[in-house]
């Protein structure tokens, strides 16, 4: 993982920690249910508006990472599949040669 990836991961973790702390504080405050729901809605709306670019960038990087991992897995799968097919073909040719020599 690069230094930039670590920084983004730390930033996202920090953001989620702050959001969780704020929500917990609001929920444990001695207010009526309606006031609490309104407060939670306001906090979530504010955070969503404030951190939308960072969230979009983190999502973009996560999707890019998933695509890279998918590509690498497909490459490894194809190598293994080709190797298995080559071994099966070699066995078939060997058996064909053996059967031909016996008869």
N, C-alpha and C. Protein backbone atom coordinates (compact mmCIF):
# COMPACT_ATOMS: atom_id res chain seq x y z
N UNK A 1 0.85 -1.18 0.00
CA UNK A 1 0.00 0.00 0.00
C UNK A 1 0.89 1.23 0.00
N UNK A 2 0.55 2.22 -0.79
CA UNK A 2 1.36 3.43 -0.86
C UNK A 2 1.03 4.37 0.29
N UNK A 3 1.90 5.36 0.44
CA UNK A 3 1.70 6.34 1.50
C UNK A 3 0.39 7.09 1.30
N UNK A 4 0.06 7.36 0.03
CA UNK A 4 -1.19 8.07 -0.28
C UNK A 4 -2.40 7.24 0.11
N UNK A 5 -2.34 5.93 -0.16
CA UNK A 5 -3.44 5.04 0.21
C UNK A 5 -3.62 5.01 1.72
N UNK A 6 -2.49 4.98 2.44
CA UNK A 6 -2.56 4.98 3.91
C UNK A 6 -3.19 6.27 4.41
N UNK A 7 -2.83 7.39 3.79
CA UNK A 7 -3.38 8.69 4.21
C UNK A 7 -4.88 8.73 3.98
N UNK A 8 -5.32 8.21 2.85
CA UNK A 8 -6.76 8.21 2.54
C UNK A 8 -7.49 7.29 3.51
N UNK A 9 -6.91 6.12 3.77
CA UNK A 9 -7.53 5.19 4.71
C UNK A 9 -7.64 5.82 6.09
N UNK A 10 -6.58 6.49 6.52
CA UNK A 10 -6.60 7.16 7.81
C UNK A 10 -7.68 8.23 7.83
N UNK A 11 -7.77 9.02 6.76
CA UNK A 11 -8.76 10.09 6.68
C UNK A 11 -10.18 9.56 6.74
N UNK A 12 -10.44 8.47 6.02
CA UNK A 12 -11.77 7.86 6.03
C UNK A 12 -12.08 7.31 7.41
N UNK A 13 -11.10 6.66 8.04
CA UNK A 13 -11.30 6.13 9.39
C UNK A 13 -11.57 7.23 10.39
N UNK A 14 -10.82 8.31 10.27
CA UNK A 14 -11.02 9.45 11.16
C UNK A 14 -12.42 10.04 10.97
N UNK A 15 -12.82 10.19 9.72
CA UNK A 15 -14.15 10.72 9.41
C UNK A 15 -15.24 9.84 10.02
N UNK A 16 -15.11 8.54 9.84
CA UNK A 16 -16.12 7.63 10.39
C UNK A 16 -16.13 7.68 11.92
N UNK A 17 -14.96 7.82 12.53
CA UNK A 17 -14.90 7.94 13.98
C UNK A 17 -15.59 9.19 14.49
N UNK A 18 -15.36 10.30 13.79
CA UNK A 18 -16.00 11.56 14.18
C UNK A 18 -17.51 11.44 14.03
N UNK A 19 -17.95 10.88 12.91
CA UNK A 19 -19.39 10.72 12.67
C UNK A 19 -20.00 9.85 13.77
N UNK A 20 -19.35 8.74 14.08
CA UNK A 20 -19.87 7.86 15.13
C UNK A 20 -19.94 8.55 16.47
N UNK A 21 -18.91 9.33 16.80
CA UNK A 21 -18.89 10.05 18.07
C UNK A 21 -19.99 11.09 18.16
N UNK A 22 -20.19 11.81 17.08
CA UNK A 22 -21.22 12.84 17.06
C UNK A 22 -22.60 12.21 17.20
N UNK A 23 -22.83 11.14 16.47
CA UNK A 23 -24.14 10.47 16.53
C UNK A 23 -24.38 9.92 17.94
N UNK A 24 -23.35 9.31 18.53
CA UNK A 24 -23.51 8.78 19.90
C UNK A 24 -23.81 9.91 20.88
N UNK A 25 -23.12 11.03 20.74
CA UNK A 25 -23.36 12.16 21.64
C UNK A 25 -24.78 12.69 21.49
N UNK A 26 -25.25 12.77 20.27
CA UNK A 26 -26.60 13.28 20.02
C UNK A 26 -27.64 12.31 20.57
N UNK A 27 -27.41 11.02 20.38
CA UNK A 27 -28.38 10.04 20.84
C UNK A 27 -28.46 9.95 22.36
N UNK A 28 -27.36 10.20 23.04
CA UNK A 28 -27.36 10.12 24.50
C UNK A 28 -27.72 11.45 25.18
N UNK A 29 -27.92 12.49 24.40
CA UNK A 29 -28.30 13.78 24.97
C UNK A 29 -29.75 13.70 25.46
N UNK A 30 -30.05 14.35 26.58
CA UNK A 30 -31.42 14.28 27.13
C UNK A 30 -32.37 15.21 26.38
N UNK A 31 -32.84 14.75 25.24
CA UNK A 31 -33.79 15.53 24.43
C UNK A 31 -34.95 14.62 24.05
N UNK A 32 -35.99 15.23 23.53
CA UNK A 32 -37.12 14.43 23.06
C UNK A 32 -36.72 13.70 21.78
N UNK A 33 -37.48 12.69 21.43
CA UNK A 33 -37.19 11.91 20.23
C UNK A 33 -37.19 12.74 18.97
N UNK A 34 -38.15 13.65 18.88
CA UNK A 34 -38.24 14.49 17.68
C UNK A 34 -37.02 15.40 17.56
N UNK A 35 -36.60 16.00 18.66
CA UNK A 35 -35.42 16.87 18.64
C UNK A 35 -34.17 16.08 18.29
N UNK A 36 -34.06 14.89 18.85
CA UNK A 36 -32.89 14.05 18.59
C UNK A 36 -32.84 13.65 17.12
N UNK A 37 -33.97 13.25 16.56
CA UNK A 37 -34.00 12.88 15.14
C UNK A 37 -33.62 14.06 14.27
N UNK A 38 -34.09 15.24 14.59
CA UNK A 38 -33.77 16.44 13.83
C UNK A 38 -32.27 16.74 13.93
N UNK A 39 -31.72 16.61 15.14
CA UNK A 39 -30.29 16.85 15.33
C UNK A 39 -29.45 15.86 14.52
N UNK A 40 -29.82 14.60 14.56
CA UNK A 40 -29.10 13.57 13.80
C UNK A 40 -29.18 13.87 12.31
N UNK A 41 -30.37 14.23 11.84
CA UNK A 41 -30.54 14.57 10.43
C UNK A 41 -29.65 15.74 10.04
N UNK A 42 -29.60 16.76 10.88
CA UNK A 42 -28.77 17.94 10.59
C UNK A 42 -27.29 17.58 10.56
N UNK A 43 -26.85 16.79 11.51
CA UNK A 43 -25.44 16.40 11.56
C UNK A 43 -25.08 15.58 10.32
N UNK A 44 -25.89 14.62 9.98
CA UNK A 44 -25.60 13.77 8.82
C UNK A 44 -25.61 14.61 7.54
N UNK A 45 -26.55 15.51 7.41
CA UNK A 45 -26.61 16.37 6.23
C UNK A 45 -25.37 17.25 6.14
N UNK A 46 -24.97 17.84 7.26
CA UNK A 46 -23.78 18.69 7.27
C UNK A 46 -22.52 17.90 6.89
N UNK A 47 -22.38 16.72 7.48
CA UNK A 47 -21.19 15.90 7.19
C UNK A 47 -21.19 15.46 5.73
N UNK A 48 -22.34 15.05 5.23
CA UNK A 48 -22.43 14.62 3.84
C UNK A 48 -22.06 15.74 2.89
N UNK A 49 -22.51 16.95 3.17
CA UNK A 49 -22.19 18.08 2.31
C UNK A 49 -20.72 18.47 2.42
N UNK A 50 -20.19 18.42 3.62
CA UNK A 50 -18.82 18.86 3.86
C UNK A 50 -17.79 17.89 3.28
N UNK A 51 -18.05 16.59 3.38
CA UNK A 51 -17.05 15.59 2.99
C UNK A 51 -17.39 14.84 1.71
N UNK A 52 -18.32 15.33 0.93
CA UNK A 52 -18.70 14.65 -0.31
C UNK A 52 -17.52 14.44 -1.26
N UNK A 53 -16.67 15.44 -1.50
CA UNK A 53 -15.53 15.19 -2.40
C UNK A 53 -14.60 14.09 -1.90
N UNK A 54 -14.32 14.06 -0.60
CA UNK A 54 -13.44 13.04 -0.06
C UNK A 54 -14.06 11.65 -0.16
N UNK A 55 -15.36 11.59 0.10
CA UNK A 55 -16.06 10.32 0.01
C UNK A 55 -16.06 9.82 -1.43
N UNK A 56 -16.31 10.72 -2.38
CA UNK A 56 -16.31 10.32 -3.79
C UNK A 56 -14.92 9.84 -4.22
N UNK A 57 -13.87 10.53 -3.77
CA UNK A 57 -12.50 10.14 -4.12
C UNK A 57 -12.15 8.79 -3.51
N UNK A 58 -12.54 8.58 -2.26
CA UNK A 58 -12.28 7.28 -1.62
C UNK A 58 -13.02 6.17 -2.35
N UNK A 59 -14.25 6.43 -2.76
CA UNK A 59 -15.03 5.44 -3.51
C UNK A 59 -14.36 5.14 -4.85
N UNK A 60 -13.90 6.19 -5.52
CA UNK A 60 -13.24 6.02 -6.82
C UNK A 60 -11.98 5.17 -6.67
N UNK A 61 -11.18 5.46 -5.64
CA UNK A 61 -9.96 4.70 -5.43
C UNK A 61 -10.26 3.26 -5.04
N UNK A 62 -11.29 3.05 -4.25
CA UNK A 62 -11.67 1.69 -3.88
C UNK A 62 -12.10 0.90 -5.11
N UNK A 63 -12.88 1.51 -5.98
CA UNK A 63 -13.33 0.82 -7.19
C UNK A 63 -12.15 0.53 -8.12
N UNK A 64 -11.20 1.46 -8.21
CA UNK A 64 -10.01 1.24 -9.02
C UNK A 64 -9.20 0.07 -8.47
N UNK A 65 -9.04 0.04 -7.15
CA UNK A 65 -8.31 -1.06 -6.52
C UNK A 65 -9.00 -2.40 -6.78
N UNK A 66 -10.31 -2.41 -6.71
CA UNK A 66 -11.07 -3.64 -6.97
C UNK A 66 -10.85 -4.09 -8.41
N UNK A 67 -10.85 -3.14 -9.35
CA UNK A 67 -10.62 -3.50 -10.76
C UNK A 67 -9.23 -4.09 -10.96
N UNK A 68 -8.22 -3.51 -10.31
CA UNK A 68 -6.85 -4.01 -10.43
C UNK A 68 -6.76 -5.42 -9.85
N UNK A 69 -7.36 -5.62 -8.69
CA UNK A 69 -7.34 -6.95 -8.06
C UNK A 69 -8.07 -7.96 -8.94
N UNK A 70 -9.21 -7.57 -9.49
CA UNK A 70 -9.97 -8.46 -10.37
C UNK A 70 -9.13 -8.86 -11.58
N UNK A 71 -8.43 -7.88 -12.18
CA UNK A 71 -7.60 -8.15 -13.35
C UNK A 71 -6.48 -9.14 -12.99
N UNK A 72 -5.83 -8.90 -11.86
CA UNK A 72 -4.74 -9.80 -11.44
C UNK A 72 -5.25 -11.21 -11.16
N UNK A 73 -6.41 -11.31 -10.52
CA UNK A 73 -6.98 -12.62 -10.26
C UNK A 73 -7.34 -13.35 -11.55
N UNK A 74 -7.88 -12.62 -12.50
CA UNK A 74 -8.22 -13.23 -13.79
C UNK A 74 -6.96 -13.71 -14.50
N UNK A 75 -5.87 -12.94 -14.41
CA UNK A 75 -4.61 -13.34 -15.03
C UNK A 75 -4.10 -14.64 -14.39
N UNK A 76 -4.13 -14.70 -13.06
CA UNK A 76 -3.67 -15.90 -12.37
C UNK A 76 -4.57 -17.10 -12.70
N UNK A 77 -5.86 -16.86 -12.75
CA UNK A 77 -6.79 -17.93 -13.09
C UNK A 77 -6.49 -18.47 -14.48
N UNK A 78 -6.27 -17.56 -15.43
CA UNK A 78 -5.97 -17.99 -16.80
C UNK A 78 -4.66 -18.78 -16.88
N UNK A 79 -3.65 -18.36 -16.11
CA UNK A 79 -2.38 -19.10 -16.10
C UNK A 79 -2.59 -20.51 -15.56
N UNK A 80 -3.32 -20.61 -14.47
CA UNK A 80 -3.58 -21.93 -13.87
C UNK A 80 -4.40 -22.79 -14.81
N UNK A 81 -5.41 -22.20 -15.41
CA UNK A 81 -6.27 -22.93 -16.34
C UNK A 81 -5.46 -23.43 -17.54
N UNK A 82 -4.61 -22.57 -18.09
CA UNK A 82 -3.77 -22.97 -19.22
C UNK A 82 -2.82 -24.08 -18.83
N UNK A 83 -2.27 -24.00 -17.63
CA UNK A 83 -1.36 -25.04 -17.15
C UNK A 83 -2.07 -26.37 -17.02
N UNK A 84 -3.27 -26.35 -16.47
CA UNK A 84 -4.05 -27.58 -16.32
C UNK A 84 -4.37 -28.18 -17.68
N UNK A 85 -4.79 -27.32 -18.61
CA UNK A 85 -5.11 -27.81 -19.96
C UNK A 85 -3.89 -28.40 -20.64
N UNK A 86 -2.72 -27.77 -20.45
CA UNK A 86 -1.49 -28.29 -21.06
C UNK A 86 -1.14 -29.66 -20.48
N UNK A 87 -1.29 -29.81 -19.17
CA UNK A 87 -1.00 -31.10 -18.54
C UNK A 87 -1.97 -32.18 -19.02
N UNK A 88 -3.25 -31.82 -19.16
CA UNK A 88 -4.24 -32.78 -19.63
C UNK A 88 -3.93 -33.19 -21.07
N UNK A 89 -3.53 -32.23 -21.89
CA UNK A 89 -3.20 -32.53 -23.28
C UNK A 89 -1.96 -33.42 -23.35
N UNK A 90 -0.97 -33.14 -22.51
CA UNK A 90 0.24 -33.96 -22.50
C UNK A 90 -0.09 -35.38 -22.08
N UNK A 91 -0.95 -35.54 -21.07
CA UNK A 91 -1.36 -36.88 -20.63
C UNK A 91 -2.10 -37.61 -21.74
N UNK A 92 -2.98 -36.89 -22.43
CA UNK A 92 -3.74 -37.51 -23.52
C UNK A 92 -2.81 -37.96 -24.64
N UNK A 93 -1.84 -37.12 -24.98
CA UNK A 93 -0.89 -37.49 -26.04
C UNK A 93 -0.04 -38.67 -25.61
N UNK A 94 0.37 -38.68 -24.34
CA UNK A 94 1.18 -39.78 -23.84
C UNK A 94 0.39 -41.08 -23.88
N UNK A 95 -0.87 -41.00 -23.47
CA UNK A 95 -1.72 -42.20 -23.49
C UNK A 95 -1.94 -42.67 -24.92
N UNK A 96 -2.16 -41.71 -25.81
CA UNK A 96 -2.36 -42.06 -27.22
C UNK A 96 -1.12 -42.75 -27.78
N UNK A 97 0.03 -42.24 -27.46
CA UNK A 97 1.28 -42.83 -27.93
C UNK A 97 1.47 -44.20 -27.32
N UNK A 98 1.21 -44.34 -26.03
CA UNK A 98 1.33 -45.62 -25.35
C UNK A 98 0.36 -46.62 -25.92
N UNK A 99 -0.87 -46.24 -26.12
CA UNK A 99 -1.89 -47.14 -26.69
C UNK A 99 -1.52 -47.55 -28.10
N UNK A 100 -0.96 -46.65 -28.88
CA UNK A 100 -0.59 -46.94 -30.26
C UNK A 100 0.58 -47.93 -30.30
N UNK A 101 1.54 -47.76 -29.39
CA UNK A 101 2.72 -48.65 -29.34
C UNK A 101 2.33 -50.06 -28.88
N UNK A 102 1.35 -50.16 -27.98
CA UNK A 102 0.94 -51.47 -27.46
C UNK A 102 0.23 -52.26 -28.54
N UNK A 103 -0.59 -51.63 -29.34
CA UNK A 103 -1.36 -52.34 -30.35
C UNK A 103 -0.49 -52.63 -31.50
